[in-house]
PDB file of N, CA and C in Angstrom:
ATOM      1  N   UNK A   1     116.451 146.201 113.314  1.00  0.00           N
ATOM      2  CA  UNK A   1     115.345 145.447 113.885  1.00  0.00           C
ATOM      3  C   UNK A   1     114.391 146.427 114.528  1.00  0.00           C
ATOM      4  N   UNK A   2     113.104 146.300 114.216  1.00  0.00           N
ATOM      5  CA  UNK A   2     112.082 147.147 114.805  1.00  0.00           C
ATOM      6  C   UNK A   2     111.670 146.635 116.159  1.00  0.00           C
ATOM      7  N   UNK A   3     110.720 147.304 116.766  1.00  0.00           N
ATOM      8  CA  UNK A   3     110.262 146.871 118.083  1.00  0.00           C
ATOM      9  C   UNK A   3     108.827 146.380 118.008  1.00  0.00           C
ATOM     10  N   UNK A   4     108.435 145.604 118.981  1.00  0.00           N
ATOM     11  CA  UNK A   4     107.073 145.081 119.040  1.00  0.00           C
ATOM     12  C   UNK A   4     106.539 145.248 120.449  1.00  0.00           C
ATOM     13  N   UNK A   5     105.208 145.432 120.561  1.00  0.00           N
ATOM     14  CA  UNK A   5     104.581 145.418 121.871  1.00  0.00           C
ATOM     15  C   UNK A   5     104.311 143.981 122.248  1.00  0.00           C
ATOM     16  N   UNK A   6     104.512 143.633 123.508  1.00  0.00           N
ATOM     17  CA  UNK A   6     104.354 142.240 123.909  1.00  0.00           C
ATOM     18  C   UNK A   6     103.422 142.138 125.096  1.00  0.00           C
ATOM     19  N   UNK A   7     102.584 141.113 125.069  1.00  0.00           N
ATOM     20  CA  UNK A   7     101.661 140.831 126.153  1.00  0.00           C
ATOM     21  C   UNK A   7     102.371 140.115 127.286  1.00  0.00           C
ATOM     22  N   UNK A   8     103.312 139.238 126.981  1.00  0.00           N
ATOM     23  CA  UNK A   8     104.021 138.461 128.007  1.00  0.00           C
ATOM     24  C   UNK A   8     105.524 138.675 127.898  1.00  0.00           C
ATOM     25  N   UNK A   9     106.279 137.578 127.705  1.00  0.00           N
ATOM     26  CA  UNK A   9     107.721 137.673 127.821  1.00  0.00           C
ATOM     27  C   UNK A   9     108.489 137.639 126.499  1.00  0.00           C
ATOM     28  N   UNK A  10     107.985 136.972 125.500  1.00  0.00           N
ATOM     29  CA  UNK A  10     108.780 136.692 124.311  1.00  0.00           C
ATOM     30  C   UNK A  10     108.471 137.675 123.189  1.00  0.00           C
ATOM     31  N   UNK A  11     109.479 138.041 122.381  1.00  0.00           N
ATOM     32  CA  UNK A  11     109.244 138.894 121.231  1.00  0.00           C
ATOM     33  C   UNK A  11     110.385 138.845 120.242  1.00  0.00           C
ATOM     34  N   UNK A  12     110.045 138.921 118.968  1.00  0.00           N
ATOM     35  CA  UNK A  12     111.026 138.986 117.897  1.00  0.00           C
ATOM     36  C   UNK A  12     110.557 140.032 116.902  1.00  0.00           C
ATOM     37  N   UNK A  13     111.470 140.649 116.176  1.00  0.00           N
ATOM     38  CA  UNK A  13     111.081 141.587 115.131  1.00  0.00           C
ATOM     39  C   UNK A  13     112.043 141.441 113.960  1.00  0.00           C
ATOM     40  N   UNK A  14     111.506 141.556 112.748  1.00  0.00           N
ATOM     41  CA  UNK A  14     112.310 141.486 111.535  1.00  0.00           C
ATOM     42  C   UNK A  14     111.863 142.616 110.624  1.00  0.00           C
ATOM     43  N   UNK A  15     112.787 143.500 110.239  1.00  0.00           N
ATOM     44  CA  UNK A  15     112.412 144.584 109.356  1.00  0.00           C
ATOM     45  C   UNK A  15     112.216 144.114 107.929  1.00  0.00           C
ATOM     46  N   UNK A  16     113.006 143.148 107.480  1.00  0.00           N
ATOM     47  CA  UNK A  16     112.934 142.762 106.074  1.00  0.00           C
ATOM     48  C   UNK A  16     111.596 142.133 105.690  1.00  0.00           C
ATOM     49  N   UNK A  17     110.849 141.550 106.609  1.00  0.00           N
ATOM     50  CA  UNK A  17     109.539 140.981 106.282  1.00  0.00           C
ATOM     51  C   UNK A  17     108.425 141.603 107.105  1.00  0.00           C
ATOM     52  N   UNK A  18     108.722 142.607 107.901  1.00  0.00           N
ATOM     53  CA  UNK A  18     107.701 143.228 108.728  1.00  0.00           C
ATOM     54  C   UNK A  18     107.848 142.811 110.175  1.00  0.00           C
ATOM     55  N   UNK A  19     106.904 143.218 110.982  1.00  0.00           N
ATOM     56  CA  UNK A  19     106.960 142.935 112.413  1.00  0.00           C
ATOM     57  C   UNK A  19     106.472 141.534 112.693  1.00  0.00           C
ATOM     58  N   UNK A  20     107.210 140.833 113.511  1.00  0.00           N
ATOM     59  CA  UNK A  20     106.846 139.486 113.932  1.00  0.00           C
ATOM     60  C   UNK A  20     106.986 139.435 115.436  1.00  0.00           C
ATOM     61  N   UNK A  21     105.989 138.893 116.108  1.00  0.00           N
ATOM     62  CA  UNK A  21     106.090 138.785 117.559  1.00  0.00           C
ATOM     63  C   UNK A  21     105.743 137.386 117.999  1.00  0.00           C
ATOM     64  N   UNK A  22     106.247 137.003 119.151  1.00  0.00           N
ATOM     65  CA  UNK A  22     105.944 135.709 119.742  1.00  0.00           C
ATOM     66  C   UNK A  22     105.382 135.980 121.122  1.00  0.00           C
ATOM     67  N   UNK A  23     104.235 135.360 121.431  1.00  0.00           N
ATOM     68  CA  UNK A  23     103.626 135.558 122.738  1.00  0.00           C
ATOM     69  C   UNK A  23     103.329 134.221 123.379  1.00  0.00           C
ATOM     70  N   UNK A  24     103.515 134.150 124.685  1.00  0.00           N
ATOM     71  CA  UNK A  24     103.223 132.941 125.442  1.00  0.00           C
ATOM     72  C   UNK A  24     101.727 132.791 125.655  1.00  0.00           C
ATOM     73  N   UNK A  25     101.288 131.556 125.809  1.00  0.00           N
ATOM     74  CA  UNK A  25      99.914 131.254 126.181  1.00  0.00           C
ATOM     75  C   UNK A  25      99.701 131.718 127.613  1.00  0.00           C
ATOM     76  N   UNK A  26      98.596 132.426 127.858  1.00  0.00           N
ATOM     77  CA  UNK A  26      98.366 132.982 129.188  1.00  0.00           C
ATOM     78  C   UNK A  26      97.735 132.007 130.164  1.00  0.00           C
ATOM     79  N   UNK A  27      97.117 130.914 129.692  1.00  0.00           N
ATOM     80  CA  UNK A  27      96.382 130.065 130.631  1.00  0.00           C
ATOM     81  C   UNK A  27      97.285 129.130 131.425  1.00  0.00           C
ATOM     82  N   UNK A  28      98.563 129.018 131.066  1.00  0.00           N
ATOM     83  CA  UNK A  28      99.514 128.284 131.876  1.00  0.00           C
ATOM     84  C   UNK A  28      99.463 126.773 131.762  1.00  0.00           C
ATOM     85  N   UNK A  29      98.628 126.214 130.898  1.00  0.00           N
ATOM     86  CA  UNK A  29      98.574 124.760 130.763  1.00  0.00           C
ATOM     87  C   UNK A  29      99.713 124.275 129.881  1.00  0.00           C
ATOM     88  N   UNK A  30     100.223 123.099 130.183  1.00  0.00           N
ATOM     89  CA  UNK A  30     101.305 122.513 129.390  1.00  0.00           C
ATOM     90  C   UNK A  30     100.695 121.513 128.416  1.00  0.00           C
ATOM     91  N   UNK A  31     100.956 121.686 127.118  1.00  0.00           N
ATOM     92  CA  UNK A  31     100.411 120.753 126.128  1.00  0.00           C
ATOM     93  C   UNK A  31     100.990 119.348 126.300  1.00  0.00           C
ATOM     94  N   UNK A  32     100.249 118.348 125.822  1.00  0.00           N
ATOM     95  CA  UNK A  32     100.710 116.959 125.919  1.00  0.00           C
ATOM     96  C   UNK A  32     101.394 116.489 124.642  1.00  0.00           C
ATOM     97  N   UNK A  33     101.228 117.221 123.535  1.00  0.00           N
ATOM     98  CA  UNK A  33     101.814 116.845 122.244  1.00  0.00           C
ATOM     99  C   UNK A  33     102.382 118.074 121.545  1.00  0.00           C
ATOM    100  N   UNK A  34     103.322 117.823 120.623  1.00  0.00           N
ATOM    101  CA  UNK A  34     103.764 118.870 119.715  1.00  0.00           C
ATOM    102  C   UNK A  34     102.631 119.128 118.738  1.00  0.00           C
ATOM    103  N   UNK A  35     102.406 120.386 118.376  1.00  0.00           N
ATOM    104  CA  UNK A  35     101.407 120.668 117.344  1.00  0.00           C
ATOM    105  C   UNK A  35     101.715 121.994 116.669  1.00  0.00           C
ATOM    106  N   UNK A  36     101.402 122.036 115.378  1.00  0.00           N
ATOM    107  CA  UNK A  36     101.478 123.245 114.576  1.00  0.00           C
ATOM    108  C   UNK A  36     100.091 123.450 114.009  1.00  0.00           C
ATOM    109  N   UNK A  37      99.471 124.564 114.328  1.00  0.00           N
ATOM    110  CA  UNK A  37      98.102 124.807 113.882  1.00  0.00           C
ATOM    111  C   UNK A  37      98.106 125.580 112.573  1.00  0.00           C
ATOM    112  N   UNK A  38      96.970 125.511 111.865  1.00  0.00           N
ATOM    113  CA  UNK A  38      96.819 126.270 110.627  1.00  0.00           C
ATOM    114  C   UNK A  38      96.837 127.759 110.960  1.00  0.00           C
ATOM    115  N   UNK A  39      97.550 128.520 110.152  1.00  0.00           N
ATOM    116  CA  UNK A  39      97.589 129.968 110.371  1.00  0.00           C
ATOM    117  C   UNK A  39      96.189 130.560 110.210  1.00  0.00           C
ATOM    118  N   UNK A  40      95.977 131.713 110.828  1.00  0.00           N
ATOM    119  CA  UNK A  40      94.704 132.413 110.656  1.00  0.00           C
ATOM    120  C   UNK A  40      94.973 133.913 110.676  1.00  0.00           C
ATOM    121  N   UNK A  41      94.278 134.682 109.854  1.00  0.00           N
ATOM    122  CA  UNK A  41      93.388 134.173 108.808  1.00  0.00           C
ATOM    123  C   UNK A  41      94.196 133.545 107.677  1.00  0.00           C
ATOM    124  N   UNK A  42      93.518 132.770 106.862  1.00  0.00           N
ATOM    125  CA  UNK A  42      94.124 132.131 105.697  1.00  0.00           C
ATOM    126  C   UNK A  42      93.042 131.958 104.637  1.00  0.00           C
ATOM    127  N   UNK A  43      93.147 132.632 103.494  1.00  0.00           N
ATOM    128  CA  UNK A  43      94.209 133.522 103.029  1.00  0.00           C
ATOM    129  C   UNK A  43      94.326 134.770 103.921  1.00  0.00           C
ATOM    130  N   UNK A  44      95.492 135.441 103.795  1.00  0.00           N
ATOM    131  CA  UNK A  44      95.757 136.613 104.621  1.00  0.00           C
ATOM    132  C   UNK A  44      96.386 137.724 103.807  1.00  0.00           C
ATOM    133  N   UNK A  45      96.322 138.935 104.344  1.00  0.00           N
ATOM    134  CA  UNK A  45      96.956 140.100 103.747  1.00  0.00           C
ATOM    135  C   UNK A  45      96.948 141.229 104.760  1.00  0.00           C
ATOM    136  N   UNK A  46      98.048 141.728 105.211  1.00  0.00           N
ATOM    137  CA  UNK A  46      99.394 141.197 105.078  1.00  0.00           C
ATOM    138  C   UNK A  46      99.849 140.428 106.317  1.00  0.00           C
ATOM    139  N   UNK A  47      98.959 140.293 107.334  1.00  0.00           N
ATOM    140  CA  UNK A  47      99.374 139.700 108.603  1.00  0.00           C
ATOM    141  C   UNK A  47      98.605 138.427 108.902  1.00  0.00           C
ATOM    142  N   UNK A  48      99.304 137.433 109.458  1.00  0.00           N
ATOM    143  CA  UNK A  48      98.668 136.187 109.872  1.00  0.00           C
ATOM    144  C   UNK A  48      99.284 135.729 111.195  1.00  0.00           C
ATOM    145  N   UNK A  49      98.567 134.873 111.891  1.00  0.00           N
ATOM    146  CA  UNK A  49      99.026 134.325 113.169  1.00  0.00           C
ATOM    147  C   UNK A  49      99.313 132.836 112.992  1.00  0.00           C
ATOM    148  N   UNK A  50     100.468 132.393 113.461  1.00  0.00           N
ATOM    149  CA  UNK A  50     100.844 130.979 113.454  1.00  0.00           C
ATOM    150  C   UNK A  50     100.935 130.534 114.911  1.00  0.00           C
ATOM    151  N   UNK A  51     100.154 129.512 115.276  1.00  0.00           N
ATOM    152  CA  UNK A  51     100.136 128.997 116.650  1.00  0.00           C
ATOM    153  C   UNK A  51     100.800 127.633 116.700  1.00  0.00           C
ATOM    154  N   UNK A  52     101.533 127.389 117.783  1.00  0.00           N
ATOM    155  CA  UNK A  52     102.162 126.083 117.960  1.00  0.00           C
ATOM    156  C   UNK A  52     102.273 125.764 119.437  1.00  0.00           C
ATOM    157  N   UNK A  53     102.398 124.474 119.742  1.00  0.00           N
ATOM    158  CA  UNK A  53     102.526 124.010 121.120  1.00  0.00           C
ATOM    159  C   UNK A  53     103.658 123.003 121.214  1.00  0.00           C
ATOM    160  N   UNK A  54     104.379 123.058 122.328  1.00  0.00           N
ATOM    161  CA  UNK A  54     105.435 122.080 122.592  1.00  0.00           C
ATOM    162  C   UNK A  54     105.262 121.557 124.020  1.00  0.00           C
ATOM    163  N   UNK A  55     105.332 120.230 124.215  1.00  0.00           N
ATOM    164  CA  UNK A  55     105.089 119.645 125.530  1.00  0.00           C
ATOM    165  C   UNK A  55     106.309 119.638 126.455  1.00  0.00           C
ATOM    166  N   UNK A  56     107.468 120.007 125.927  1.00  0.00           N
ATOM    167  CA  UNK A  56     108.696 120.013 126.720  1.00  0.00           C
ATOM    168  C   UNK A  56     109.610 121.103 126.182  1.00  0.00           C
ATOM    169  N   UNK A  57     110.547 121.527 126.983  1.00  0.00           N
ATOM    170  CA  UNK A  57     111.510 122.527 126.527  1.00  0.00           C
ATOM    171  C   UNK A  57     112.234 122.004 125.299  1.00  0.00           C
ATOM    172  N   UNK A  58     112.333 122.834 124.275  1.00  0.00           N
ATOM    173  CA  UNK A  58     112.944 122.421 123.010  1.00  0.00           C
ATOM    174  C   UNK A  58     113.536 123.632 122.320  1.00  0.00           C
ATOM    175  N   UNK A  59     114.533 123.377 121.462  1.00  0.00           N
ATOM    176  CA  UNK A  59     114.970 124.417 120.547  1.00  0.00           C
ATOM    177  C   UNK A  59     113.929 124.480 119.436  1.00  0.00           C
ATOM    178  N   UNK A  60     113.306 125.625 119.264  1.00  0.00           N
ATOM    179  CA  UNK A  60     112.209 125.790 118.312  1.00  0.00           C
ATOM    180  C   UNK A  60     112.681 126.638 117.144  1.00  0.00           C
ATOM    181  N   UNK A  61     112.401 126.147 115.935  1.00  0.00           N
ATOM    182  CA  UNK A  61     112.694 126.894 114.715  1.00  0.00           C
ATOM    183  C   UNK A  61     111.415 126.933 113.895  1.00  0.00           C
ATOM    184  N   UNK A  62     111.011 128.129 113.481  1.00  0.00           N
ATOM    185  CA  UNK A  62     109.894 128.268 112.540  1.00  0.00           C
ATOM    186  C   UNK A  62     110.418 129.038 111.343  1.00  0.00           C
ATOM    187  N   UNK A  63     110.321 128.403 110.178  1.00  0.00           N
ATOM    188  CA  UNK A  63     110.777 129.001 108.929  1.00  0.00           C
ATOM    189  C   UNK A  63     109.602 129.136 107.972  1.00  0.00           C
ATOM    190  N   UNK A  64     109.716 130.106 107.049  1.00  0.00           N
ATOM    191  CA  UNK A  64     108.729 130.297 105.989  1.00  0.00           C
ATOM    192  C   UNK A  64     109.449 130.118 104.660  1.00  0.00           C
ATOM    193  N   UNK A  65     108.814 129.362 103.750  1.00  0.00           N
ATOM    194  CA  UNK A  65     109.387 129.060 102.437  1.00  0.00           C
ATOM    195  C   UNK A  65     108.425 129.472 101.333  1.00  0.00           C
ATOM    196  N   UNK A  66     108.984 129.796 100.150  1.00  0.00           N
ATOM    197  CA  UNK A  66     108.140 130.012  98.976  1.00  0.00           C
ATOM    198  C   UNK A  66     107.909 128.678  98.269  1.00  0.00           C
ATOM    199  N   UNK A  67     107.184 128.709  97.149  1.00  0.00           N
ATOM    200  CA  UNK A  67     106.859 127.476  96.418  1.00  0.00           C
ATOM    201  C   UNK A  67     108.085 126.745  95.887  1.00  0.00           C
ATOM    202  N   UNK A  68     109.178 127.469  95.680  1.00  0.00           N
ATOM    203  CA  UNK A  68     110.398 126.845  95.163  1.00  0.00           C
ATOM    204  C   UNK A  68     111.270 126.276  96.279  1.00  0.00           C
ATOM    205  N   UNK A  69     110.834 126.429  97.525  1.00  0.00           N
ATOM    206  CA  UNK A  69     111.603 125.911  98.648  1.00  0.00           C
ATOM    207  C   UNK A  69     112.635 126.876  99.197  1.00  0.00           C
ATOM    208  N   UNK A  70     112.637 128.110  98.688  1.00  0.00           N
ATOM    209  CA  UNK A  70     113.557 129.123  99.204  1.00  0.00           C
ATOM    210  C   UNK A  70     113.075 129.616 100.565  1.00  0.00           C
ATOM    211  N   UNK A  71     113.986 129.707 101.513  1.00  0.00           N
ATOM    212  CA  UNK A  71     113.623 130.224 102.834  1.00  0.00           C
ATOM    213  C   UNK A  71     113.398 131.730 102.737  1.00  0.00           C
ATOM    214  N   UNK A  72     112.195 132.163 103.109  1.00  0.00           N
ATOM    215  CA  UNK A  72     111.821 133.574 103.058  1.00  0.00           C
ATOM    216  C   UNK A  72     112.115 134.262 104.388  1.00  0.00           C
ATOM    217  N   UNK A  73     111.863 133.553 105.488  1.00  0.00           N
ATOM    218  CA  UNK A  73     112.058 134.144 106.818  1.00  0.00           C
ATOM    219  C   UNK A  73     112.267 133.053 107.852  1.00  0.00           C
ATOM    220  N   UNK A  74     112.979 133.388 108.898  1.00  0.00           N
ATOM    221  CA  UNK A  74     113.097 132.528 110.075  1.00  0.00           C
ATOM    222  C   UNK A  74     112.437 133.307 111.205  1.00  0.00           C
ATOM    223  N   UNK A  75     111.244 132.852 111.616  1.00  0.00           N
ATOM    224  CA  UNK A  75     110.450 133.590 112.592  1.00  0.00           C
ATOM    225  C   UNK A  75     110.886 133.337 114.024  1.00  0.00           C
ATOM    226  N   UNK A  76     111.296 132.119 114.318  1.00  0.00           N
ATOM    227  CA  UNK A  76     111.721 131.747 115.668  1.00  0.00           C
ATOM    228  C   UNK A  76     112.949 130.861 115.533  1.00  0.00           C
ATOM    229  N   UNK A  77     113.933 131.081 116.389  1.00  0.00           N
ATOM    230  CA  UNK A  77     115.120 130.225 116.440  1.00  0.00           C
ATOM    231  C   UNK A  77     115.705 130.352 117.839  1.00  0.00           C
ATOM    232  N   UNK A  78     115.045 129.680 118.805  1.00  0.00           N
ATOM    233  CA  UNK A  78     115.487 129.793 120.192  1.00  0.00           C
ATOM    234  C   UNK A  78     114.914 128.675 121.044  1.00  0.00           C
ATOM    235  N   UNK A  79     115.508 128.506 122.195  1.00  0.00           N
ATOM    236  CA  UNK A  79     115.020 127.535 123.176  1.00  0.00           C
ATOM    237  C   UNK A  79     113.724 128.075 123.773  1.00  0.00           C
ATOM    238  N   UNK A  80     112.701 127.222 123.825  1.00  0.00           N
ATOM    239  CA  UNK A  80     111.400 127.596 124.390  1.00  0.00           C
ATOM    240  C   UNK A  80     111.029 126.607 125.475  1.00  0.00           C
ATOM    241  N   UNK A  81     110.381 127.087 126.514  1.00  0.00           N
ATOM    242  CA  UNK A  81     109.828 126.222 127.547  1.00  0.00           C
ATOM    243  C   UNK A  81     108.558 125.566 127.030  1.00  0.00           C
ATOM    244  N   UNK A  82     108.140 124.466 127.644  1.00  0.00           N
ATOM    245  CA  UNK A  82     106.882 123.817 127.272  1.00  0.00           C
ATOM    246  C   UNK A  82     105.760 124.839 127.356  1.00  0.00           C
ATOM    247  N   UNK A  83     104.861 124.823 126.356  1.00  0.00           N
ATOM    248  CA  UNK A  83     103.748 125.765 126.353  1.00  0.00           C
ATOM    249  C   UNK A  83     103.183 125.947 124.967  1.00  0.00           C
ATOM    250  N   UNK A  84     102.232 126.859 124.863  1.00  0.00           N
ATOM    251  CA  UNK A  84     101.595 127.208 123.594  1.00  0.00           C
ATOM    252  C   UNK A  84     101.987 128.635 123.244  1.00  0.00           C
ATOM    253  N   UNK A  85     102.258 128.864 121.966  1.00  0.00           N
ATOM    254  CA  UNK A  85     102.768 130.148 121.517  1.00  0.00           C
ATOM    255  C   UNK A  85     102.053 130.593 120.253  1.00  0.00           C
ATOM    256  N   UNK A  86     102.098 131.905 119.992  1.00  0.00           N
ATOM    257  CA  UNK A  86     101.595 132.484 118.751  1.00  0.00           C
ATOM    258  C   UNK A  86     102.681 133.364 118.151  1.00  0.00           C
ATOM    259  N   UNK A  87     102.803 133.308 116.829  1.00  0.00           N
ATOM    260  CA  UNK A  87     103.735 134.155 116.099  1.00  0.00           C
ATOM    261  C   UNK A  87     102.910 134.985 115.130  1.00  0.00           C
ATOM    262  N   UNK A  88     103.070 136.302 115.181  1.00  0.00           N
ATOM    263  CA  UNK A  88     102.424 137.170 114.198  1.00  0.00           C
ATOM    264  C   UNK A  88     103.423 137.420 113.078  1.00  0.00           C
ATOM    265  N   UNK A  89     103.000 137.166 111.844  1.00  0.00           N
ATOM    266  CA  UNK A  89     103.887 137.285 110.691  1.00  0.00           C
ATOM    267  C   UNK A  89     103.322 138.332 109.741  1.00  0.00           C
ATOM    268  N   UNK A  90     104.091 139.405 109.493  1.00  0.00           N
ATOM    269  CA  UNK A  90     103.676 140.480 108.598  1.00  0.00           C
ATOM    270  C   UNK A  90     104.526 140.407 107.344  1.00  0.00           C
ATOM    271  N   UNK A  91     103.886 140.174 106.222  1.00  0.00           N
ATOM    272  CA  UNK A  91     104.619 139.964 104.966  1.00  0.00           C
ATOM    273  C   UNK A  91     104.221 140.984 103.912  1.00  0.00           C
ATOM    274  N   UNK A  92     104.087 142.230 104.290  1.00  0.00           N
ATOM    275  CA  UNK A  92     103.620 143.256 103.362  1.00  0.00           C
ATOM    276  C   UNK A  92     104.516 143.409 102.133  1.00  0.00           C
ATOM    277  N   UNK A  93     105.772 142.994 102.189  1.00  0.00           N
ATOM    278  CA  UNK A  93     106.676 143.141 101.060  1.00  0.00           C
ATOM    279  C   UNK A  93     106.710 141.970 100.092  1.00  0.00           C
ATOM    280  N   UNK A  94     105.956 140.908 100.354  1.00  0.00           N
ATOM    281  CA  UNK A  94     105.984 139.716  99.498  1.00  0.00           C
ATOM    282  C   UNK A  94     104.823 139.715  98.511  1.00  0.00           C
ATOM    283  N   UNK A  95     105.011 139.086  97.341  1.00  0.00           N
ATOM    284  CA  UNK A  95     103.912 138.994  96.376  1.00  0.00           C
ATOM    285  C   UNK A  95     102.875 137.950  96.797  1.00  0.00           C
ATOM    286  N   UNK A  96     101.677 138.067  96.228  1.00  0.00           N
ATOM    287  CA  UNK A  96     100.636 137.059  96.453  1.00  0.00           C
ATOM    288  C   UNK A  96     101.157 135.692  96.055  1.00  0.00           C
ATOM    289  N   UNK A  97     100.670 134.656  96.736  1.00  0.00           N
ATOM    290  CA  UNK A  97     101.078 133.306  96.385  1.00  0.00           C
ATOM    291  C   UNK A  97     100.948 132.347  97.544  1.00  0.00           C
ATOM    292  N   UNK A  98     101.369 131.117  97.276  1.00  0.00           N
ATOM    293  CA  UNK A  98     101.354 130.060  98.281  1.00  0.00           C
ATOM    294  C   UNK A  98     102.718 130.031  98.967  1.00  0.00           C
ATOM    295  N   UNK A  99     102.687 129.959 100.281  1.00  0.00           N
ATOM    296  CA  UNK A  99     103.896 129.863 101.089  1.00  0.00           C
ATOM    297  C   UNK A  99     103.729 128.708 102.071  1.00  0.00           C
ATOM    298  N   UNK A 100     104.837 128.210 102.573  1.00  0.00           N
ATOM    299  CA  UNK A 100     104.814 127.119 103.548  1.00  0.00           C
ATOM    300  C   UNK A 100     105.525 127.580 104.809  1.00  0.00           C
ATOM    301  N   UNK A 101     105.025 127.146 105.958  1.00  0.00           N
ATOM    302  CA  UNK A 101     105.712 127.411 107.216  1.00  0.00           C
ATOM    303  C   UNK A 101     105.964 126.092 107.915  1.00  0.00           C
ATOM    304  N   UNK A 102     107.110 126.004 108.570  1.00  0.00           N
ATOM    305  CA  UNK A 102     107.561 124.738 109.153  1.00  0.00           C
ATOM    306  C   UNK A 102     108.012 124.951 110.593  1.00  0.00           C
ATOM    307  N   UNK A 103     107.552 124.053 111.464  1.00  0.00           N
ATOM    308  CA  UNK A 103     107.973 124.022 112.859  1.00  0.00           C
ATOM    309  C   UNK A 103     108.929 122.862 113.054  1.00  0.00           C
ATOM    310  N   UNK A 104     110.108 123.148 113.605  1.00  0.00           N
ATOM    311  CA  UNK A 104     111.053 122.118 114.045  1.00  0.00           C
ATOM    312  C   UNK A 104     111.245 122.308 115.540  1.00  0.00           C
ATOM    313  N   UNK A 105     111.002 121.244 116.303  1.00  0.00           N
ATOM    314  CA  UNK A 105     111.211 121.285 117.754  1.00  0.00           C
ATOM    315  C   UNK A 105     111.692 119.908 118.172  1.00  0.00           C
ATOM    316  N   UNK A 106     112.970 119.797 118.528  1.00  0.00           N
ATOM    317  CA  UNK A 106     113.537 118.481 118.800  1.00  0.00           C
ATOM    318  C   UNK A 106     113.470 117.646 117.532  1.00  0.00           C
ATOM    319  N   UNK A 107     112.912 116.447 117.616  1.00  0.00           N
ATOM    320  CA  UNK A 107     112.782 115.585 116.435  1.00  0.00           C
ATOM    321  C   UNK A 107     111.447 115.792 115.720  1.00  0.00           C
ATOM    322  N   UNK A 108     110.594 116.682 116.236  1.00  0.00           N
ATOM    323  CA  UNK A 108     109.292 116.962 115.619  1.00  0.00           C
ATOM    324  C   UNK A 108     109.465 117.975 114.495  1.00  0.00           C
ATOM    325  N   UNK A 109     108.914 117.645 113.322  1.00  0.00           N
ATOM    326  CA  UNK A 109     108.908 118.571 112.183  1.00  0.00           C
ATOM    327  C   UNK A 109     107.533 118.493 111.541  1.00  0.00           C
ATOM    328  N   UNK A 110     106.906 119.650 111.324  1.00  0.00           N
ATOM    329  CA  UNK A 110     105.626 119.693 110.616  1.00  0.00           C
ATOM    330  C   UNK A 110     105.591 120.945 109.755  1.00  0.00           C
ATOM    331  N   UNK A 111     104.989 120.806 108.560  1.00  0.00           N
ATOM    332  CA  UNK A 111     104.902 121.901 107.603  1.00  0.00           C
ATOM    333  C   UNK A 111     103.447 122.105 107.211  1.00  0.00           C
ATOM    334  N   UNK A 112     103.043 123.355 107.073  1.00  0.00           N
ATOM    335  CA  UNK A 112     101.690 123.686 106.627  1.00  0.00           C
ATOM    336  C   UNK A 112     101.763 124.761 105.549  1.00  0.00           C
ATOM    337  N   UNK A 113     100.661 124.855 104.792  1.00  0.00           N
ATOM    338  CA  UNK A 113     100.570 125.792 103.677  1.00  0.00           C
ATOM    339  C   UNK A 113      99.741 127.003 104.083  1.00  0.00           C
ATOM    340  N   UNK A 114     100.131 128.183 103.584  1.00  0.00           N
ATOM    341  CA  UNK A 114      99.336 129.396 103.778  1.00  0.00           C
ATOM    342  C   UNK A 114      99.317 130.184 102.477  1.00  0.00           C
ATOM    343  N   UNK A 115      98.299 131.020 102.322  1.00  0.00           N
ATOM    344  CA  UNK A 115      98.116 131.763 101.075  1.00  0.00           C
ATOM    345  C   UNK A 115      98.084 133.256 101.368  1.00  0.00           C
ATOM    346  N   UNK A 116      98.978 133.990 100.709  1.00  0.00           N
ATOM    347  CA  UNK A 116      98.986 135.445 100.771  1.00  0.00           C
ATOM    348  C   UNK A 116      98.205 135.945  99.568  1.00  0.00           C
ATOM    349  N   UNK A 117      97.124 136.689  99.808  1.00  0.00           N
ATOM    350  CA  UNK A 117      96.238 137.157  98.741  1.00  0.00           C
ATOM    351  C   UNK A 117      96.127 138.665  98.838  1.00  0.00           C
ATOM    352  N   UNK A 118      96.677 139.358  97.838  1.00  0.00           N
ATOM    353  CA  UNK A 118      96.638 140.834  97.855  1.00  0.00           C
ATOM    354  C   UNK A 118      95.542 141.354  96.963  1.00  0.00           C
TER     355      UNK A 118
END
């Protein structure tokens, strides 16, 4: 596992898909709803940011899948406090194509599409 620089408290790293980090929202506001935002930039190469918000403490899982439904990476798998977060995903080793990312937090599940364009 590689290392990452962090602005706040949270961080993750994965060598097999590149560096991934998780950072807390600095403004301290607590969201009122679960939300998964569209990654940016999109299309991307090789790095993109995935933002999400949770209104209460939850076990958070963020996974990335290819078009066939194969899990490519698990970016987050931990208990998180209520707040807004960003995950940086570096996929320099993957081919161009359409990928999906999914947020699971408690009973909330949402999936979005992203495009890797080399």
